[in-house]
Protein backbone atom coordinates (compact mmCIF):
# COMPACT_ATOMS: atom_id res chain seq x y z
CA MET A 1 -13.59 16.41 18.10
CA VAL A 2 -11.83 16.01 14.77
CA VAL A 3 -10.35 12.67 15.85
CA LEU A 4 -13.73 11.38 17.04
CA ALA A 5 -15.47 12.48 13.83
CA ALA A 6 -12.74 10.87 11.72
CA GLY A 7 -13.00 7.61 13.69
CA LEU A 8 -16.79 7.46 13.46
CA ALA A 9 -16.63 8.30 9.75
CA ALA A 10 -14.31 5.35 9.20
CA TRP A 11 -16.64 3.08 11.20
CA MET A 12 -19.62 4.17 9.10
CA GLY A 13 -17.76 3.82 5.82
CA LEU A 14 -16.82 0.22 6.60
CA GLY A 15 -20.32 -0.43 7.92
CA THR A 16 -23.48 -0.09 5.88
CA LEU A 17 -23.11 3.52 4.71
CA HIS A 18 -22.18 2.69 1.12
CA GLN A 19 -25.18 0.47 0.51
CA PHE A 20 -26.85 3.53 -1.00
CA GLN A 21 -24.27 4.38 -3.65
CA HIS A 22 -25.75 5.45 -6.98
CA ALA A 23 -24.67 6.91 -10.31
CA ASP A 24 -24.17 10.47 -9.03
CA SER A 25 -22.03 9.43 -6.08
CA LEU A 26 -20.01 6.85 -8.04
CA LEU A 27 -19.24 9.46 -10.67
CA THR A 28 -16.92 11.27 -8.23
CA VAL A 29 -14.76 8.12 -8.13
CA LEU A 30 -14.50 8.12 -11.92
CA ILE A 31 -13.74 11.86 -11.87
CA SER A 32 -10.86 11.07 -9.51
CA THR A 33 -9.55 8.00 -11.34
CA GLN A 34 -10.28 8.71 -15.03
CA ARG A 35 -10.28 12.46 -15.60
CA TRP A 36 -10.32 15.04 -12.85
CA THR A 37 -12.06 18.34 -13.59
CA PRO A 38 -12.48 21.35 -11.26
CA PHE A 39 -16.25 20.83 -11.14
CA PHE A 40 -18.61 17.87 -11.29
CA TRP A 41 -18.87 16.66 -14.88
CA GLY A 42 -21.46 18.63 -16.82
CA GLN A 43 -21.88 21.55 -14.41
CA ASP A 44 -20.11 24.36 -12.56
CA ARG A 45 -21.59 24.21 -9.05
CA PHE A 46 -20.05 21.27 -7.17
CA GLY A 47 -16.26 21.69 -6.81
CA MET A 48 -14.23 18.50 -6.96
CA LEU A 49 -11.99 19.12 -3.94
CA VAL A 50 -12.32 15.65 -2.41
CA PRO A 51 -11.85 13.79 -5.74
CA LEU A 52 -8.69 15.87 -6.22
CA ALA A 53 -7.41 14.84 -2.79
CA ALA A 54 -8.12 11.19 -3.67
CA VAL A 55 -6.41 11.25 -7.11
CA PRO A 56 -3.32 9.34 -5.86
CA ILE A 57 -5.60 6.42 -4.88
CA ARG A 58 -6.10 4.59 -8.16
CA HIS A 59 -8.00 1.50 -6.97
CA PRO A 60 -11.72 2.32 -7.46
CA LEU A 61 -12.94 0.78 -4.20
CA ALA A 62 -10.14 2.31 -2.13
CA ASN A 63 -10.83 5.65 -3.81
CA LEU A 64 -14.55 5.35 -3.03
CA LEU A 65 -13.88 4.59 0.63
CA ALA A 66 -11.33 7.40 0.94
CA GLN A 67 -13.67 9.96 -0.59
CA GLY A 68 -16.56 8.71 1.52
CA TRP A 69 -14.45 8.99 4.67
CA MET A 70 -13.39 12.57 3.91
CA MET A 71 -16.92 13.68 3.04
CA THR A 72 -18.45 11.95 6.07
CA ALA A 73 -15.92 13.31 8.54
CA ALA A 74 -16.49 16.83 7.21
CA ALA A 75 -20.28 16.47 7.36
CA LEU A 76 -20.11 15.19 10.95
CA LEU A 77 -17.98 18.19 11.90
CA ALA A 78 -20.34 20.71 10.26
CA PRO A 79 -22.69 21.24 13.26
CA PHE A 80 -19.72 21.52 15.64
CA VAL A 81 -18.03 24.21 13.56
CA MET A 82 -21.26 26.12 13.02
CA ALA A 83 -22.11 25.99 16.74
CA ARG A 84 -18.56 27.04 17.64
CA PHE A 85 -18.90 30.20 15.56
CA LEU A 86 -22.40 30.98 16.81
CA THR A 87 -21.76 30.43 20.53
CA GLY A 88 -18.07 31.30 20.81
CA ALA A 89 -15.19 29.35 22.28
CA ALA A 90 -16.79 29.31 25.74
CA GLY A 91 -20.15 28.06 24.48
CA ALA A 92 -21.57 24.57 24.67
CA TRP A 93 -20.71 23.88 21.03
CA PRO A 94 -19.37 20.32 21.60
CA ALA A 95 -22.70 19.29 23.14
CA ILE A 96 -24.66 21.12 20.43
CA GLY A 97 -22.74 19.42 17.63
CA ALA A 98 -23.08 15.96 19.16
CA CYS A 99 -26.81 16.44 19.81
CA THR A 100 -27.35 17.60 16.23
CA ASN A 101 -25.59 14.56 14.77
CA THR A 102 -27.49 12.23 17.10
CA LEU A 103 -30.83 13.72 16.10
CA PHE A 104 -29.90 13.29 12.46
CA LEU A 105 -28.94 9.64 12.89
CA LEU A 106 -32.10 8.85 14.84
CA VAL A 107 -34.54 10.67 12.55
CA ALA A 108 -33.23 10.61 8.96
CA THR A 109 -33.65 7.56 6.74
CA PRO A 110 -30.46 5.62 5.85
CA ALA A 111 -30.70 6.87 2.25
CA VAL A 112 -30.87 10.50 3.41
CA GLN A 113 -27.97 9.89 5.78
CA PHE A 114 -25.86 8.67 2.87
CA ASP A 115 -26.93 11.62 0.76
CA TRP A 116 -25.96 14.18 3.43
CA LEU A 117 -22.79 12.42 4.57
CA VAL A 118 -21.35 11.35 1.20
CA ALA A 119 -23.18 12.38 -1.95
CA GLN A 120 -23.97 16.06 -1.35
CA PRO A 121 -21.43 18.88 -0.89
CA TYR A 122 -23.27 20.80 1.84
CA GLY A 123 -21.57 19.38 4.93
CA LEU A 124 -18.05 19.87 3.59
CA SER A 125 -18.74 23.43 2.45
CA ILE A 126 -20.32 24.36 5.81
CA THR A 127 -17.35 22.98 7.73
CA LEU A 128 -14.81 24.82 5.59
CA GLY A 129 -16.85 28.03 5.52
CA PHE A 130 -17.48 28.33 9.24
CA ALA A 131 -13.89 27.33 10.00
CA SER A 132 -12.90 30.31 7.89
CA LEU A 133 -15.21 32.65 9.85
CA ILE A 134 -13.84 31.36 13.17
CA LEU A 135 -10.28 31.92 12.05
CA ALA A 136 -11.01 35.38 10.68
CA ALA A 137 -12.90 36.43 13.82
CA ASP A 138 -10.46 35.04 16.39
CA ALA A 139 -7.00 35.32 14.84
CA GLN A 140 -4.87 38.27 13.81
CA GLY A 141 -2.14 38.78 11.24
CA PRO A 142 -1.57 38.05 7.54
CA PRO A 143 -1.11 34.26 7.91
CA ALA A 144 -4.52 33.91 9.57
CA SER A 145 -6.13 36.13 6.95
CA ILE A 146 -4.61 34.15 4.10
CA MET A 147 -5.71 30.84 5.63
CA ALA A 148 -9.21 32.19 6.24
CA LEU A 149 -9.47 33.33 2.61
CA LEU A 150 -8.23 29.94 1.41
CA LEU A 151 -10.80 28.10 3.52
CA VAL A 152 -13.75 30.27 2.42
CA THR A 153 -12.67 29.98 -1.22
CA LEU A 154 -12.55 26.19 -0.90
CA ALA A 155 -15.97 26.26 0.78
CA CYS A 156 -17.49 28.27 -2.06
CA TRP A 157 -15.75 26.07 -4.63
CA VAL A 158 -17.30 22.97 -3.12
CA ASN A 159 -20.74 24.65 -2.95
CA ILE A 160 -21.08 28.29 -3.90
CA GLY A 161 -24.46 28.46 -2.17
CA VAL A 162 -22.75 28.39 1.22
CA GLY A 163 -21.84 32.06 0.75
CA LEU A 164 -25.36 33.17 1.67
CA MET A 165 -25.30 31.20 4.93
CA LEU A 166 -21.90 32.59 5.86
CA ALA A 167 -22.96 36.15 5.11
CA ILE A 168 -26.06 35.85 7.30
CA ALA A 169 -23.99 34.40 10.15
CA ALA A 170 -21.39 37.16 9.78
CA VAL A 171 -24.03 39.89 9.98
CA THR A 172 -25.99 38.47 12.91
CA VAL A 173 -23.21 37.07 15.09
CA GLY A 174 -19.79 38.19 13.97
CA SER A 175 -18.01 40.84 16.03
CA ARG A 176 -15.96 41.83 12.99
CA THR A 177 -18.84 42.00 10.53
CA VAL A 178 -17.19 44.03 7.77
CA ARG A 179 -14.11 41.81 7.78
CA LEU A 180 -16.18 38.63 7.66
CA LEU A 181 -18.47 39.92 4.92
CA ALA A 182 -15.50 41.05 2.84
CA LEU A 183 -13.89 37.65 3.30
CA THR A 184 -17.05 35.81 2.23
CA ALA A 185 -17.62 38.11 -0.74
CA THR A 186 -14.03 37.70 -1.93
CA GLY A 187 -14.22 33.91 -1.81
CA THR A 188 -17.54 33.93 -3.64
CA VAL A 189 -16.25 36.23 -6.38
CA ILE A 190 -13.08 34.18 -6.88
CA VAL A 191 -15.09 30.98 -7.34
CA SER A 192 -17.72 32.66 -9.52
CA LEU A 193 -15.04 33.94 -11.90
CA THR A 194 -13.30 30.57 -11.92
CA ALA A 195 -16.55 28.80 -12.74
CA ARG A 196 -17.40 31.29 -15.44
CA TYR A 197 -14.10 31.09 -17.27
CA GLY A 198 -12.75 27.70 -16.18
CA ALA A 199 -15.70 25.31 -16.28
CA THR A 200 -16.53 23.49 -19.51
CA ALA A 201 -20.28 23.41 -18.78
CA ARG A 202 -22.76 25.85 -17.33
CA THR A 203 -25.49 25.21 -14.80
CA VAL A 204 -28.64 27.30 -15.00
CA ALA A 205 -28.16 30.15 -12.51
CA SER A 206 -31.28 32.18 -13.30
CA LEU A 207 -34.15 32.84 -10.94
CA ALA A 208 -37.56 31.40 -11.59
CA ALA A 209 -40.33 33.82 -12.49
CA PRO A 210 -41.54 35.64 -9.33
CA HIS A 211 -45.01 34.14 -9.60
CA GLN A 212 -43.41 30.67 -9.22
CA TRP A 213 -41.58 31.44 -5.99
CA PHE A 214 -44.40 30.69 -3.59
CA ASP A 215 -45.05 27.37 -5.29
CA GLY A 216 -41.35 26.56 -5.08
CA TRP A 217 -41.22 27.29 -1.35
CA ARG A 218 -44.31 25.16 -0.85
CA GLN A 219 -42.93 22.21 -2.80
CA LEU A 220 -39.66 22.28 -0.87
CA LEU A 221 -41.59 22.04 2.40
CA GLN A 222 -43.81 19.28 1.01
CA GLY A 223 -40.71 17.18 0.36
CA LEU A 224 -39.56 17.26 3.98
CA PRO A 225 -41.55 14.17 5.08
CA GLY A 226 -39.36 12.12 2.74
CA VAL A 227 -36.36 12.82 4.97
CA THR A 228 -37.63 10.62 7.80
CA ALA A 229 -39.36 7.31 8.28
CA ARG A 230 -40.41 8.47 11.75
CA PRO A 231 -42.63 11.55 11.35
CA GLU A 232 -44.00 11.03 14.85
CA ALA A 233 -40.48 11.43 16.27
CA VAL A 234 -40.07 14.71 14.39
CA ILE A 235 -43.38 15.96 15.78
CA VAL A 236 -42.33 15.02 19.31
CA VAL A 237 -38.99 16.82 18.91
CA ALA A 238 -40.70 19.93 17.50
CA VAL A 239 -43.30 20.07 20.28
CA ALA A 240 -40.71 19.43 23.00
CA THR A 241 -38.48 22.16 21.57
CA ALA A 242 -41.37 24.64 21.53
CA VAL A 243 -42.28 23.80 25.13
CA ALA A 244 -38.66 24.04 26.27
CA THR A 245 -38.24 27.36 24.47
CA ALA A 246 -41.32 28.80 26.18
CA TRP A 247 -40.09 27.59 29.57
CA LEU A 248 -36.64 29.09 29.01
CA LEU A 249 -38.13 32.41 27.96
CA ARG A 250 -40.25 32.55 31.09
CA ARG A 251 -37.19 31.93 33.23
CA ASP A 252 -35.11 34.37 31.19
CA ALA A 253 -32.69 31.55 30.46
CA PHE A 254 -32.97 31.42 26.67
CA PRO A 255 -29.67 31.42 24.71
CA PRO A 256 -28.31 34.83 23.64
CA TRP A 257 -30.45 36.41 20.94
CA ARG A 258 -27.70 36.69 18.33
CA PRO A 259 -27.11 32.93 17.85
CA ALA A 260 -30.87 32.32 17.92
CA ALA A 261 -31.43 35.06 15.33
CA ALA A 262 -28.66 33.64 13.16
CA ILE A 263 -30.23 30.18 13.26
CA CYS A 264 -33.64 31.53 12.23
CA ALA A 265 -32.23 33.81 9.54
CA MET A 266 -29.97 31.13 8.04
CA ALA A 267 -32.71 28.48 7.99
CA VAL A 268 -35.38 30.75 6.52
CA GLY A 269 -32.95 32.54 4.21
CA THR A 270 -31.57 29.37 2.62
CA TRP A 271 -35.08 27.97 2.16
CA LEU A 272 -36.35 31.15 0.51
CA VAL A 273 -33.36 31.56 -1.80
CA VAL A 274 -33.35 27.91 -2.85
CA GLY A 275 -37.05 28.15 -3.65
CA THR A 276 -36.43 30.95 -6.16
CA SER A 277 -33.82 29.01 -8.15
CA LEU A 278 -34.82 27.94 -11.65
CA TRP A 279 -32.30 25.08 -11.43
CA VAL A 280 -33.97 23.71 -8.30
CA GLY A 281 -37.32 24.02 -10.04
CA MET A 282 -35.98 22.10 -13.04
CA ASN A 283 -35.02 19.37 -10.56
CA ARG A 284 -38.59 19.30 -9.21
CA TYR A 285 -37.71 20.83 -5.84
CA VAL A 286 -36.37 17.53 -4.50
CA PHE A 287 -35.87 17.62 -0.74
CA ARG A 288 -32.08 17.29 -0.87
CA TYR A 289 -31.93 21.04 -1.46
CA MET A 290 -33.36 21.48 2.03
CA TYR A 291 -30.59 19.54 3.79
CA PRO A 292 -28.69 22.68 4.91
CA THR A 293 -31.92 24.15 6.30
CA LEU A 294 -32.58 20.93 8.21
CA MET A 295 -29.08 20.87 9.67
CA ILE A 296 -29.43 24.49 10.77
CA ALA A 297 -32.75 23.60 12.41
CA GLY A 298 -31.02 20.69 14.15
CA VAL A 299 -28.38 23.04 15.54
CA GLY A 300 -31.19 25.29 16.79
CA VAL A 301 -32.94 22.42 18.58
CA SER A 302 -29.63 21.35 20.13
CA MET A 303 -28.99 24.91 21.34
CA VAL A 304 -32.27 24.73 23.24
CA VAL A 305 -31.19 21.40 24.76
CA ALA A 306 -27.87 22.93 25.80
CA ALA A 307 -29.69 25.88 27.40
CA LEU A 308 -31.65 23.46 29.58
CA PHE A 309 -28.38 22.16 31.03
CA THR A 310 -26.32 25.32 31.35
CA LYS A 311 -25.19 24.29 34.84
CA ARG A 312 -24.25 20.79 33.68
CA THR A 313 -22.56 21.52 30.36
CA ARG A 314 -19.72 19.05 30.89
CA ALA A 315 -22.09 16.26 31.80
CA LEU A 316 -24.28 17.06 28.79
CA THR A 317 -21.27 17.09 26.48
CA GLY A 318 -20.04 13.73 27.72
CA ALA A 319 -23.49 12.18 27.48
CA ALA A 320 -24.13 13.66 24.01
CA LEU A 321 -20.81 12.41 22.64
CA ALA A 322 -21.42 8.96 24.08
CA VAL A 323 -24.95 8.75 22.66
CA TRP A 324 -23.72 9.96 19.28
CA ALA A 325 -21.03 7.28 19.15
CA ALA A 326 -23.51 4.64 20.31
CA ALA A 327 -25.97 5.67 17.58
CA VAL A 328 -23.24 5.24 14.96
CA VAL A 329 -22.22 1.81 16.27
CA ALA A 330 -25.81 0.60 16.53
CA GLY A 331 -26.91 2.06 13.21
CA TYR A 332 -24.01 1.02 11.00
CA GLY A 333 -22.99 -2.35 12.40
CA VAL A 334 -19.57 -3.91 12.79
CA PRO A 335 -17.05 -2.65 10.20
CA SER A 336 -16.25 -5.16 7.47
CA LEU A 337 -14.40 -4.43 4.25
CA ALA A 338 -15.45 -7.81 2.89
CA ARG A 339 -19.12 -6.94 3.41
CA VAL A 340 -18.68 -3.60 1.66
CA GLU A 341 -17.13 -5.39 -1.33
CA ARG A 342 -19.94 -7.95 -1.42
CA ASP A 343 -22.56 -5.21 -1.34
CA ILE A 344 -20.86 -3.32 -4.18
CA ASP A 345 -20.51 -6.49 -6.24
CA SER A 346 -24.10 -7.59 -5.71
CA ARG A 347 -25.55 -4.19 -6.61
CA PHE A 348 -23.39 -3.19 -9.55
CA GLY A 349 -21.60 -6.30 -10.84
CA GLY A 350 -24.43 -8.14 -12.57
CA ARG A 351 -23.15 -7.48 -16.10
CA THR A 352 -19.47 -6.87 -15.43
CA ALA A 353 -18.25 -10.31 -16.52
CA ALA A 354 -20.20 -10.06 -19.77
CA VAL A 355 -18.88 -6.56 -20.49
CA LEU A 356 -15.26 -7.53 -19.89
CA SER A 357 -15.40 -10.83 -21.75
CA SER A 358 -16.93 -9.09 -24.78
CA GLY A 359 -13.94 -6.81 -25.12
CA ALA A 360 -16.09 -3.67 -25.03
CA THR A 361 -14.28 -0.53 -23.97
CA VAL A 362 -17.40 1.62 -23.62
CA VAL A 363 -20.71 1.17 -21.80
CA ALA A 364 -23.51 3.30 -23.26
CA GLY A 365 -27.07 4.26 -22.51
CA ASP A 366 -29.06 5.43 -19.51
CA TYR A 367 -27.15 7.56 -17.00
CA TRP A 368 -28.32 5.64 -13.92
CA ARG A 369 -27.18 2.31 -15.39
CA VAL A 370 -24.04 3.30 -17.24
CA TRP A 371 -21.98 4.88 -14.48
CA PRO A 372 -22.45 2.09 -11.89
CA ALA A 373 -21.56 -0.43 -14.63
CA VAL A 374 -18.45 1.56 -15.62
CA PHE A 375 -17.38 1.88 -12.00
CA HIS A 376 -17.71 -1.85 -11.35
CA ALA A 377 -16.03 -2.87 -14.61
CA ASN A 378 -13.00 -0.78 -13.67
CA LEU A 379 -13.09 -2.20 -10.16
CA ALA A 380 -12.91 -5.72 -11.62
CA LEU A 381 -10.03 -4.70 -13.90
CA SER A 382 -8.15 -3.23 -10.93
CA ARG A 383 -8.50 -6.47 -9.00
CA THR A 384 -6.69 -8.31 -11.81
CA HIS A 385 -4.19 -5.46 -12.35
CA ALA A 386 -5.28 -5.22 -15.99
CA PRO A 387 -3.94 -2.12 -17.78
CA THR A 388 -7.16 -1.47 -19.71
CA ARG A 389 -10.09 0.73 -18.67
CA VAL A 390 -13.78 0.95 -19.47
CA PHE A 391 -15.45 4.28 -20.15
CA GLY A 392 -19.00 5.59 -20.19
CA LEU A 393 -21.04 7.02 -23.05
CA ALA A 394 -23.95 8.74 -21.37
CA TYR A 395 -25.10 12.01 -19.89
CA ARG A 396 -22.04 13.78 -18.39
CA SER A 397 -19.52 11.68 -20.35
CA GLU A 398 -18.19 14.60 -22.43
CA GLU A 399 -15.06 14.87 -20.27
CA THR A 400 -13.94 11.28 -20.95
CA ASP A 401 -15.14 10.92 -24.55
CA PRO A 402 -11.72 11.95 -25.93
CA LEU A 403 -10.02 9.19 -23.91
CA TRP A 404 -11.66 6.39 -25.90
CA ARG A 405 -12.41 8.14 -29.21
CA ARG A 406 -8.76 7.98 -30.20
CA ALA A 407 -8.70 4.18 -29.90
CA GLY A 408 -9.61 3.79 -33.58
CA PRO A 409 -12.30 4.32 -36.21
CA SER A 410 -14.68 1.82 -34.56
CA ILE A 411 -15.49 1.14 -30.92
CA LEU A 412 -17.15 -1.88 -29.35
CA ILE A 413 -19.96 -0.67 -27.09
CA ALA A 414 -21.85 -2.66 -24.45
CA ALA A 415 -25.32 -1.81 -23.17
CA SER A 416 -28.15 -3.28 -21.12
CA PRO A 417 -30.42 -5.41 -23.34
CA ASP A 418 -33.53 -3.38 -22.56
CA ASP A 419 -31.91 0.06 -22.85
CA ARG A 420 -33.58 1.88 -25.76
CA SER A 421 -31.56 5.06 -25.32
CA VAL A 422 -28.21 3.81 -26.62
CA GLU A 423 -28.40 5.00 -30.21
CA ALA A 424 -29.83 8.41 -29.25
CA VAL A 425 -27.20 8.98 -26.55
CA ALA A 426 -24.41 7.91 -28.91
CA ASP A 427 -25.73 10.28 -31.59
CA GLU A 428 -25.65 13.18 -29.11
CA HIS A 429 -21.94 12.50 -28.61
CA GLY A 430 -21.11 12.25 -32.30
CA VAL A 431 -21.10 8.46 -32.50
CA VAL A 432 -23.17 6.25 -34.80
CA ALA A 433 -24.01 3.09 -32.84
CA THR A 434 -25.12 0.03 -34.83
CA LEU A 435 -26.43 -3.04 -33.06
CA GLN A 436 -24.12 -5.99 -33.68
CA THR A 437 -25.48 -8.80 -31.55
CA HIS A 438 -27.77 -9.69 -28.65
CA LEU A 439 -26.13 -11.60 -25.81
CA PRO A 440 -27.95 -13.00 -22.77
CA GLU A 441 -26.74 -10.20 -20.46
CA ILE A 442 -25.77 -7.36 -22.77
CA ASP A 443 -26.23 -5.96 -26.26
CA LEU A 444 -23.13 -5.19 -28.31
CA TYR A 445 -22.94 -2.23 -30.66
CA VAL A 446 -20.27 -1.08 -33.06
CA GLY A 447 -19.69 2.63 -32.74
CA ARG A 448 -18.19 4.82 -35.44
CA LEU A 449 -17.36 8.47 -35.14
CA ARG A 450 -19.70 10.61 -37.19
CA GLU A 451 -17.88 12.47 -39.93
């Protein structure tokens, strides 16, 4: 299964997957190639495990593809690993995982697919976390315990919110509940202490006021239609699942109650907890926070499908794996590195030549413009093997500010001509930016460190 997921992840990465790159996702490449930090710049929630693994890859495009491949492979494995823990080694977990991934590819929009597979940490943390539970439940001895603790700690580092999901699964399914809960709690505490004393920035961790909780839960559900461009398909799947569930209950053929209870508890529990978060509220309850809940629901639907074919599990597994692979091939096209490069250049390279020819070492202004421009400028420099680099001056740039501040008393800064935020952003970072000249594609500022 790992080999198949890795192969399909590579196919997708060289297909059309990266057409949805944006500032947030490109920032992980800069974290890997300019200054690695334990957590995503400007916060303490998203651990930079994959950017750390990609640090030896210095070419920006190669680094982007490597990180995308690792994240995608892990996200594709997430439903398999979860189903393996819930149903046991003898369960139909290969069919369940393949069905879940196929449903996702057929229902979710391409932008949501990119978000789940590449940009968000949920898939990787789920894979690492449930792998830890499997190892702790099935294996004996100190080496297994140490490896399980390492995996759960990495899972919580990548996304500390996974601890709740793992704890619910341990209580409802695990045969060694105390051991699994202790393991999950230890990993969560280790990461919490590391974030508290090792991160340079803090993310709001408070709960919203209790009277806001219901509204938060409602807004999260209201965002779900944005996940799919085919709401009628979702309705059909939901109705068919309900009918199949009723039929299985009547025939006393429904899956064991523990996995079913775990699915319901994890889905509802993650939704309810996310809805109480002040940070999620500050981000307007965008539907990406519901991705783990949706994946859990997908595993639940696939468990019902597997229960319908309990006497033909091998046939179902083969068919599900084949359909999953076919959905990837049909949805992402023929792999082409040249096409990926053209897409990156056309989306982010509009001002690169002007920035580089101006001699600017910093691009300043709006977050969503600056980081794509910085990424592409460094990509262009890598193609010519130039020793220089371009840095960003924007939201989340605090980690790299020292790298260009020491260049001298004045800095040449490039910005988009219509970006009115440059001077304010520079001032927030202790730089006085003075407009020097308007060029057709960029504005040039002279920046001086504020005394």
